[in-house]
C-alpha cells in the first residue's frame, strides 16, 4: 500500500495498493526515498519499486533472483 502524509496533521491517507510477491517478509526504502525493495520467502527474489515523490505510489520496476527463502533486506549507503 502507498500512503500520503498530511504535513499539517501528520495523518496518513492510503493512496493505493500494489500487488507484491507471495509471502513478503522484509522491505527497505533507500536513503533518498526513491526506491523500495521487498523480499519474498516463496519467490526467492527481490522486487524493486519506484516511489512516486508526489503521490507515494509504488511502481514495480524489476525483480531479481536471490538465494532460498530471503527474510530481510538492508540497504547500505556507500557515499
Protein backbone atom coordinates (compact mmCIF):
# COMPACT_ATOMS: atom_id res chain seq x y z
CA UNK A 1 0.00 0.00 0.00
CA UNK A 2 1.08 3.54 -0.62
CA UNK A 3 0.39 6.39 1.79
CA UNK A 4 0.49 10.16 1.73
CA UNK A 5 1.34 12.17 4.86
CA UNK A 6 -0.72 15.26 5.69
CA UNK A 7 2.02 17.74 6.68
CA UNK A 8 -0.32 19.73 8.97
CA UNK A 9 -1.89 16.86 10.90
CA UNK A 10 0.66 14.08 10.39
CA UNK A 11 -2.18 11.78 9.34
CA UNK A 12 -1.69 9.03 6.75
CA UNK A 13 -4.01 8.63 3.77
CA UNK A 14 -3.88 5.46 1.67
CA UNK A 15 -3.11 6.29 -1.96
CA UNK A 16 -3.33 2.82 -3.47
CA UNK A 17 -2.42 -0.84 -3.34
CA UNK A 18 0.28 -2.69 -5.22
CA UNK A 19 0.42 -6.48 -5.65
CA UNK A 20 3.54 -7.96 -4.03
CA UNK A 21 5.37 -11.23 -4.16
CA UNK A 22 3.90 -14.17 -2.28
CA UNK A 23 4.70 -14.04 1.46
CA UNK A 24 6.71 -10.80 1.57
CA UNK A 25 8.94 -10.74 4.65
CA UNK A 26 11.30 -7.80 4.55
CA UNK A 27 11.49 -4.41 2.91
CA UNK A 28 13.73 -1.36 2.91
CA UNK A 29 13.49 2.14 1.48
CA UNK A 30 16.74 3.51 0.08
CA UNK A 31 18.13 6.62 1.83
CA UNK A 32 16.93 9.12 -0.79
CA UNK A 33 13.37 7.73 -0.66
CA UNK A 34 13.18 6.91 -4.38
CA UNK A 35 13.00 3.10 -4.22
CA UNK A 36 11.52 0.38 -2.02
CA UNK A 37 12.99 -3.13 -2.11
CA UNK A 38 10.97 -6.12 -0.92
CA UNK A 39 11.94 -9.78 -0.49
CA UNK A 40 9.52 -12.69 -0.68
CA UNK A 41 10.06 -16.01 1.08
CA UNK A 42 8.28 -18.08 -1.58
CA UNK A 43 9.50 -16.12 -4.59
CA UNK A 44 13.24 -16.28 -3.73
CA UNK A 45 13.65 -12.82 -5.23
CA UNK A 46 13.87 -9.11 -4.51
CA UNK A 47 11.33 -6.82 -6.15
CA UNK A 48 12.26 -3.16 -6.68
CA UNK A 49 9.56 -0.49 -6.69
CA UNK A 50 9.97 3.16 -7.69
CA UNK A 51 8.30 5.53 -5.22
CA UNK A 52 6.45 8.47 -6.78
CA UNK A 53 7.68 11.52 -4.84
CA UNK A 54 4.36 13.34 -5.27
CA UNK A 55 1.78 10.63 -4.62
CA UNK A 56 3.77 7.94 -2.79
CA UNK A 57 2.52 5.38 -5.31
CA UNK A 58 4.70 2.33 -5.95
CA UNK A 59 5.59 1.06 -9.42
CA UNK A 60 7.27 -2.35 -9.80
CA UNK A 61 10.37 -1.81 -11.97
CA UNK A 62 12.33 -5.04 -11.57
CA UNK A 63 12.65 -8.43 -9.94
CA UNK A 64 15.99 -10.04 -9.13
CA UNK A 65 16.67 -13.66 -8.06
CA UNK A 66 18.08 -14.32 -4.60
CA UNK A 67 19.04 -17.30 -2.51
CA UNK A 68 16.44 -19.56 -0.92
CA UNK A 69 13.74 -18.00 1.31
CA UNK A 70 15.06 -14.47 1.91
CA UNK A 71 13.69 -12.94 5.12
CA UNK A 72 15.16 -9.44 5.23
CA UNK A 73 16.97 -6.85 3.17
CA UNK A 74 19.22 -3.94 4.11
CA UNK A 75 20.39 -1.01 2.02
CA UNK A 76 23.79 0.47 2.78
CA UNK A 77 24.54 3.97 1.51
CA UNK A 78 28.12 3.95 0.19
CA UNK A 79 28.56 7.69 -0.36
